[in-house]
Amino acid sequence: MINNVVLTGRLTKDMEVKYTNSGKAVASSSVAVQRQYSNANGERESDFINFVIWGKSAENMANMTAKGSMIGLEGSVQTRSYENNQGQKVFVTEVNVRNFTLLESKEQTEQRKQGGQGNFSQGNNFNQQQGGFNQQRQQPQQPQQQPQQGTFSPDQMYGTPDNFESQLPF
């Protein structure tokens, strides 16, 4: 059986990191993922999907992202349940993330953390005035230059539990 999820979208809120009794980090948030089709009004809608990530990857993702960051997630769907304070059983469906990818530069993320809008003109651009996402066509790329200081190279943007720490840019 296959249970594999791949998502690309924007964080809807900052990551919330907690620790288990044994000291293992767990972080959760949600990601806004634009649908492939338009509604009756011609507008593209988004789905808001909850996810959880564990261990050192959770801490790293929380430190390297901010609300609005463009990210890629790979994992599996899981359903769990718990009993709330009123004694009712609550079911939760979320993505259990195995790997994540940062899809914007470190500079853009730092600007988000400081509350600035910055210049986010390439790729998917969050449009706060319309409350949605705009797909922009990217111009053909020029020959690739060396990464600027303060940005992540493509090799540094993959967050797997096995190799993430060796790829940190700091």
C-alpha atoms as a PDB file:
ATOM      1  CA  MET A   1       0.000   0.000   0.000  1.00  0.00           C
ATOM      2  CA  ILE A   2       1.152   3.507  -0.749  1.00  0.00           C
ATOM      3  CA  ASN A   3       0.726   6.485   1.537  1.00  0.00           C
ATOM      4  CA  ASN A   4       2.879   9.276   0.130  1.00  0.00           C
ATOM      5  CA  VAL A   5       2.126  13.013   0.064  1.00  0.00           C
ATOM      6  CA  VAL A   6       4.081  15.768  -1.701  1.00  0.00           C
ATOM      7  CA  LEU A   7       2.975  19.370  -1.118  1.00  0.00           C
ATOM      8  CA  THR A   8       4.256  22.777  -2.146  1.00  0.00           C
ATOM      9  CA  GLY A   9       2.824  25.873  -0.524  1.00  0.00           C
ATOM     10  CA  ARG A  10       3.233  28.652   1.997  1.00  0.00           C
ATOM     11  CA  LEU A  11       3.301  28.392   5.783  1.00  0.00           C
ATOM     12  CA  THR A  12       0.111  29.884   7.202  1.00  0.00           C
ATOM     13  CA  LYS A  13       1.699  30.547  10.599  1.00  0.00           C
ATOM     14  CA  ASP A  14       5.051  30.264  12.328  1.00  0.00           C
ATOM     15  CA  MET A  15       6.076  26.760  13.355  1.00  0.00           C
ATOM     16  CA  GLU A  16       5.130  25.751  16.892  1.00  0.00           C
ATOM     17  CA  VAL A  17       7.850  23.601  18.501  1.00  0.00           C
ATOM     18  CA  LYS A  18       7.165  21.456  21.572  1.00  0.00           C
ATOM     19  CA  TYR A  19       9.139  18.706  23.276  1.00  0.00           C
ATOM     20  CA  THR A  20       8.023  15.253  24.377  1.00  0.00           C
ATOM     21  CA  ASN A  21       8.747  13.995  27.905  1.00  0.00           C
ATOM     22  CA  SER A  22      11.806  12.228  26.478  1.00  0.00           C
ATOM     23  CA  GLY A  23      13.079  15.519  24.996  1.00  0.00           C
ATOM     24  CA  LYS A  24      12.299  14.856  21.321  1.00  0.00           C
ATOM     25  CA  ALA A  25      11.238  17.949  19.358  1.00  0.00           C
ATOM     26  CA  VAL A  26       7.941  18.006  17.493  1.00  0.00           C
ATOM     27  CA  ALA A  27       6.756  20.978  15.423  1.00  0.00           C
ATOM     28  CA  SER A  28       3.433  21.627  13.770  1.00  0.00           C
ATOM     29  CA  SER A  29       1.891  24.186  11.466  1.00  0.00           C
ATOM     30  CA  SER A  30      -0.204  24.291   8.327  1.00  0.00           C
ATOM     31  CA  VAL A  31       0.554  24.980   4.704  1.00  0.00           C
ATOM     32  CA  ALA A  32      -1.662  26.721   2.132  1.00  0.00           C
ATOM     33  CA  VAL A  33      -1.659  24.780  -1.132  1.00  0.00           C
ATOM     34  CA  GLN A  34      -3.266  26.294  -4.198  1.00  0.00           C
ATOM     35  CA  ARG A  35      -5.774  24.135  -6.068  1.00  0.00           C
ATOM     36  CA  GLN A  36      -5.179  23.263  -9.710  1.00  0.00           C
ATOM     37  CA  TYR A  37      -8.490  24.641 -10.923  1.00  0.00           C
ATOM     38  CA  SER A  38     -10.540  27.839 -10.631  1.00  0.00           C
ATOM     39  CA  ASN A  39     -13.933  28.169  -8.954  1.00  0.00           C
ATOM     40  CA  ALA A  40     -17.117  29.470 -10.661  1.00  0.00           C
ATOM     41  CA  ASN A  41     -15.843  33.063 -10.259  1.00  0.00           C
ATOM     42  CA  GLY A  42     -12.556  32.236 -11.977  1.00  0.00           C
ATOM     43  CA  GLU A  43     -10.575  32.477  -8.734  1.00  0.00           C
ATOM     44  CA  ARG A  44      -8.067  29.904  -7.541  1.00  0.00           C
ATOM     45  CA  GLU A  45      -8.762  28.599  -4.052  1.00  0.00           C
ATOM     46  CA  SER A  46      -6.336  27.097  -1.541  1.00  0.00           C
ATOM     47  CA  ASP A  47      -6.481  24.176   0.854  1.00  0.00           C
ATOM     48  CA  PHE A  48      -4.979  24.550   4.325  1.00  0.00           C
ATOM     49  CA  ILE A  49      -3.273  21.335   5.350  1.00  0.00           C
ATOM     50  CA  ASN A  50      -1.967  20.619   8.852  1.00  0.00           C
ATOM     51  CA  PHE A  51       1.367  18.863   9.248  1.00  0.00           C
ATOM     52  CA  VAL A  52       3.755  17.654  11.945  1.00  0.00           C
ATOM     53  CA  ILE A  53       7.525  17.111  11.782  1.00  0.00           C
ATOM     54  CA  TRP A  54       9.770  15.425  14.374  1.00  0.00           C
ATOM     55  CA  GLY A  55      13.291  15.578  15.793  1.00  0.00           C
ATOM     56  CA  LYS A  56      16.148  17.814  14.699  1.00  0.00           C
ATOM     57  CA  SER A  57      14.332  18.436  11.406  1.00  0.00           C
ATOM     58  CA  ALA A  58      11.493  20.055  13.397  1.00  0.00           C
ATOM     59  CA  GLU A  59      13.884  22.418  15.171  1.00  0.00           C
ATOM     60  CA  ASN A  60      15.705  23.262  11.936  1.00  0.00           C
ATOM     61  CA  MET A  61      12.515  23.895  10.003  1.00  0.00           C
ATOM     62  CA  ALA A  62      11.213  26.173  12.761  1.00  0.00           C
ATOM     63  CA  ASN A  63      14.481  28.142  12.760  1.00  0.00           C
ATOM     64  CA  MET A  64      14.711  28.415   8.972  1.00  0.00           C
ATOM     65  CA  THR A  65      11.120  29.404   8.136  1.00  0.00           C
ATOM     66  CA  ALA A  66       8.554  32.046   8.997  1.00  0.00           C
ATOM     67  CA  LYS A  67       4.870  32.635   8.279  1.00  0.00           C
ATOM     68  CA  GLY A  68       4.520  32.926   4.496  1.00  0.00           C
ATOM     69  CA  SER A  69       7.668  30.931   3.644  1.00  0.00           C
ATOM     70  CA  MET A  70       7.417  28.854   0.473  1.00  0.00           C
ATOM     71  CA  ILE A  71       8.166  25.222   1.370  1.00  0.00           C
ATOM     72  CA  GLY A  72       7.946  21.738  -0.058  1.00  0.00           C
ATOM     73  CA  LEU A  73       6.874  18.826   2.135  1.00  0.00           C
ATOM     74  CA  GLU A  74       7.103  15.066   1.618  1.00  0.00           C
ATOM     75  CA  GLY A  75       5.531  12.605   4.012  1.00  0.00           C
ATOM     76  CA  SER A  76       2.446  10.517   4.673  1.00  0.00           C
ATOM     77  CA  VAL A  77      -1.124  11.126   5.821  1.00  0.00           C
ATOM     78  CA  GLN A  78      -1.930   9.989   9.329  1.00  0.00           C
ATOM     79  CA  THR A  79      -5.066  10.085  11.447  1.00  0.00           C
ATOM     80  CA  ARG A  80      -4.920  10.127  15.226  1.00  0.00           C
ATOM     81  CA  SER A  81      -7.378  10.788  18.005  1.00  0.00           C
ATOM     82  CA  TYR A  82      -7.341  12.193  21.512  1.00  0.00           C
ATOM     83  CA  GLU A  83      -9.804  13.110  24.211  1.00  0.00           C
ATOM     84  CA  ASN A  84     -10.300  16.862  24.737  1.00  0.00           C
ATOM     85  CA  ASN A  85     -11.006  18.645  28.045  1.00  0.00           C
ATOM     86  CA  GLN A  86     -14.754  18.086  27.637  1.00  0.00           C
ATOM     87  CA  GLY A  87     -14.228  14.323  27.364  1.00  0.00           C
ATOM     88  CA  GLN A  88     -15.040  14.201  23.637  1.00  0.00           C
ATOM     89  CA  LYS A  89     -12.971  12.121  21.232  1.00  0.00           C
ATOM     90  CA  VAL A  90     -11.353  14.364  18.598  1.00  0.00           C
ATOM     91  CA  PHE A  91      -9.951  12.991  15.334  1.00  0.00           C
ATOM     92  CA  VAL A  92      -7.068  14.762  13.595  1.00  0.00           C
ATOM     93  CA  THR A  93      -5.824  14.125  10.055  1.00  0.00           C
ATOM     94  CA  GLU A  94      -2.426  15.597   9.218  1.00  0.00           C
ATOM     95  CA  VAL A  95       0.692  15.027   7.139  1.00  0.00           C
ATOM     96  CA  ASN A  96       3.580  13.399   9.004  1.00  0.00           C
ATOM     97  CA  VAL A  97       6.562  15.066   7.272  1.00  0.00           C
ATOM     98  CA  ARG A  98       9.679  13.028   6.500  1.00  0.00           C
ATOM     99  CA  ASN A  99      11.495  15.635   4.371  1.00  0.00           C
ATOM    100  CA  PHE A 100      11.112  19.333   3.729  1.00  0.00           C
ATOM    101  CA  THR A 101      12.558  21.711   1.168  1.00  0.00           C
ATOM    102  CA  LEU A 102      13.039  25.457   1.460  1.00  0.00           C
ATOM    103  CA  LEU A 103      11.793  27.075  -1.745  1.00  0.00           C
ATOM    104  CA  GLU A 104      12.906  30.648  -1.144  1.00  0.00           C
ATOM    105  CA  SER A 105      16.179  32.292  -0.195  1.00  0.00           C
ATOM    106  CA  LYS A 106      17.459  32.792   3.325  1.00  0.00           C
ATOM    107  CA  GLU A 107      17.262  36.551   2.685  1.00  0.00           C
ATOM    108  CA  GLN A 108      13.529  36.356   1.907  1.00  0.00           C
ATOM    109  CA  THR A 109      12.895  34.294   5.047  1.00  0.00           C
ATOM    110  CA  GLU A 110      14.842  36.758   7.203  1.00  0.00           C
ATOM    111  CA  GLN A 111      12.768  39.612   5.768  1.00  0.00           C
ATOM    112  CA  ARG A 112       9.595  37.707   6.699  1.00  0.00           C
ATOM    113  CA  LYS A 113      10.865  37.162  10.247  1.00  0.00           C
ATOM    114  CA  GLN A 114      11.511  40.898  10.552  1.00  0.00           C
ATOM    115  CA  GLY A 115       8.026  41.687   9.229  1.00  0.00           C
ATOM    116  CA  GLY A 116       9.153  43.163   5.911  1.00  0.00           C
ATOM    117  CA  GLN A 117       7.588  42.240   2.607  1.00  0.00           C
ATOM    118  CA  GLY A 118      10.775  42.240   0.541  1.00  0.00           C
ATOM    119  CA  ASN A 119      10.843  41.624  -3.189  1.00  0.00           C
ATOM    120  CA  PHE A 120       9.319  38.216  -3.911  1.00  0.00           C
ATOM    121  CA  SER A 121       8.810  38.449  -7.642  1.00  0.00           C
ATOM    122  CA  GLN A 122       9.733  34.936  -8.764  1.00  0.00           C
ATOM    123  CA  GLY A 123       7.670  31.764  -8.622  1.00  0.00           C
ATOM    124  CA  ASN A 124       4.553  31.576  -6.488  1.00  0.00           C
ATOM    125  CA  ASN A 125       3.968  34.935  -4.844  1.00  0.00           C
ATOM    126  CA  PHE A 126       1.612  35.395  -1.921  1.00  0.00           C
ATOM    127  CA  ASN A 127      -0.709  38.277  -2.686  1.00  0.00           C
ATOM    128  CA  GLN A 128      -2.000  39.730   0.580  1.00  0.00           C
ATOM    129  CA  GLN A 129      -4.385  42.158  -1.103  1.00  0.00           C
ATOM    130  CA  GLN A 130      -6.374  39.364  -2.742  1.00  0.00           C
ATOM    131  CA  GLY A 131      -5.771  36.844   0.050  1.00  0.00           C
ATOM    132  CA  GLY A 132      -4.593  34.183  -2.369  1.00  0.00           C
ATOM    133  CA  PHE A 133      -1.748  33.003  -4.523  1.00  0.00           C
ATOM    134  CA  ASN A 134      -0.740  34.200  -7.967  1.00  0.00           C
ATOM    135  CA  GLN A 135       1.126  31.954 -10.367  1.00  0.00           C
ATOM    136  CA  GLN A 136       3.681  34.044 -12.222  1.00  0.00           C
ATOM    137  CA  ARG A 137       5.525  32.806 -15.260  1.00  0.00           C
ATOM    138  CA  GLN A 138       9.233  32.683 -14.720  1.00  0.00           C
ATOM    139  CA  GLN A 139      11.495  34.105 -17.370  1.00  0.00           C
ATOM    140  CA  PRO A 140      14.051  31.729 -18.896  1.00  0.00           C
ATOM    141  CA  GLN A 141      16.929  31.527 -16.492  1.00  0.00           C
ATOM    142  CA  GLN A 142      20.288  33.037 -17.278  1.00  0.00           C
ATOM    143  CA  PRO A 143      23.416  30.975 -16.685  1.00  0.00           C
ATOM    144  CA  GLN A 144      23.490  30.193 -12.995  1.00  0.00           C
ATOM    145  CA  GLN A 145      25.732  32.400 -10.901  1.00  0.00           C
ATOM    146  CA  GLN A 146      27.343  31.553  -7.594  1.00  0.00           C
ATOM    147  CA  PRO A 147      24.875  31.837  -4.683  1.00  0.00           C
ATOM    148  CA  GLN A 148      24.979  35.215  -2.980  1.00  0.00           C
ATOM    149  CA  GLN A 149      25.980  35.398   0.652  1.00  0.00           C
ATOM    150  CA  GLY A 150      22.901  34.922   2.833  1.00  0.00           C
ATOM    151  CA  THR A 151      21.085  32.579   0.414  1.00  0.00           C
ATOM    152  CA  PHE A 152      20.781  28.809   0.325  1.00  0.00           C
ATOM    153  CA  SER A 153      22.177  26.848  -2.593  1.00  0.00           C
ATOM    154  CA  PRO A 154      19.938  24.055  -3.938  1.00  0.00           C
ATOM    155  CA  ASP A 155      22.165  21.480  -2.198  1.00  0.00           C
ATOM    156  CA  GLN A 156      21.550  23.171   1.163  1.00  0.00           C
ATOM    157  CA  MET A 157      17.763  23.295   0.902  1.00  0.00           C
ATOM    158  CA  TYR A 158      16.901  19.646   1.510  1.00  0.00           C
ATOM    159  CA  GLY A 159      15.967  18.720   5.083  1.00  0.00           C
ATOM    160  CA  THR A 160      16.246  14.991   5.611  1.00  0.00           C
ATOM    161  CA  PRO A 161      16.860  13.481   9.020  1.00  0.00           C
ATOM    162  CA  ASP A 162      19.935  11.653   7.701  1.00  0.00           C
ATOM    163  CA  ASN A 163      21.847  14.493   6.075  1.00  0.00           C
ATOM    164  CA  PHE A 164      20.371  17.777   7.212  1.00  0.00           C
ATOM    165  CA  GLU A 165      22.944  18.886   9.783  1.00  0.00           C
ATOM    166  CA  SER A 166      25.825  18.495   7.328  1.00  0.00           C
ATOM    167  CA  GLN A 167      24.022  20.805   4.883  1.00  0.00           C
ATOM    168  CA  LEU A 168      23.321  23.715   7.225  1.00  0.00           C
ATOM    169  CA  PRO A 169      24.693  26.952   5.762  1.00  0.00           C
ATOM    170  CA  PHE A 170      25.997  28.163   9.145  1.00  0.00           C
END
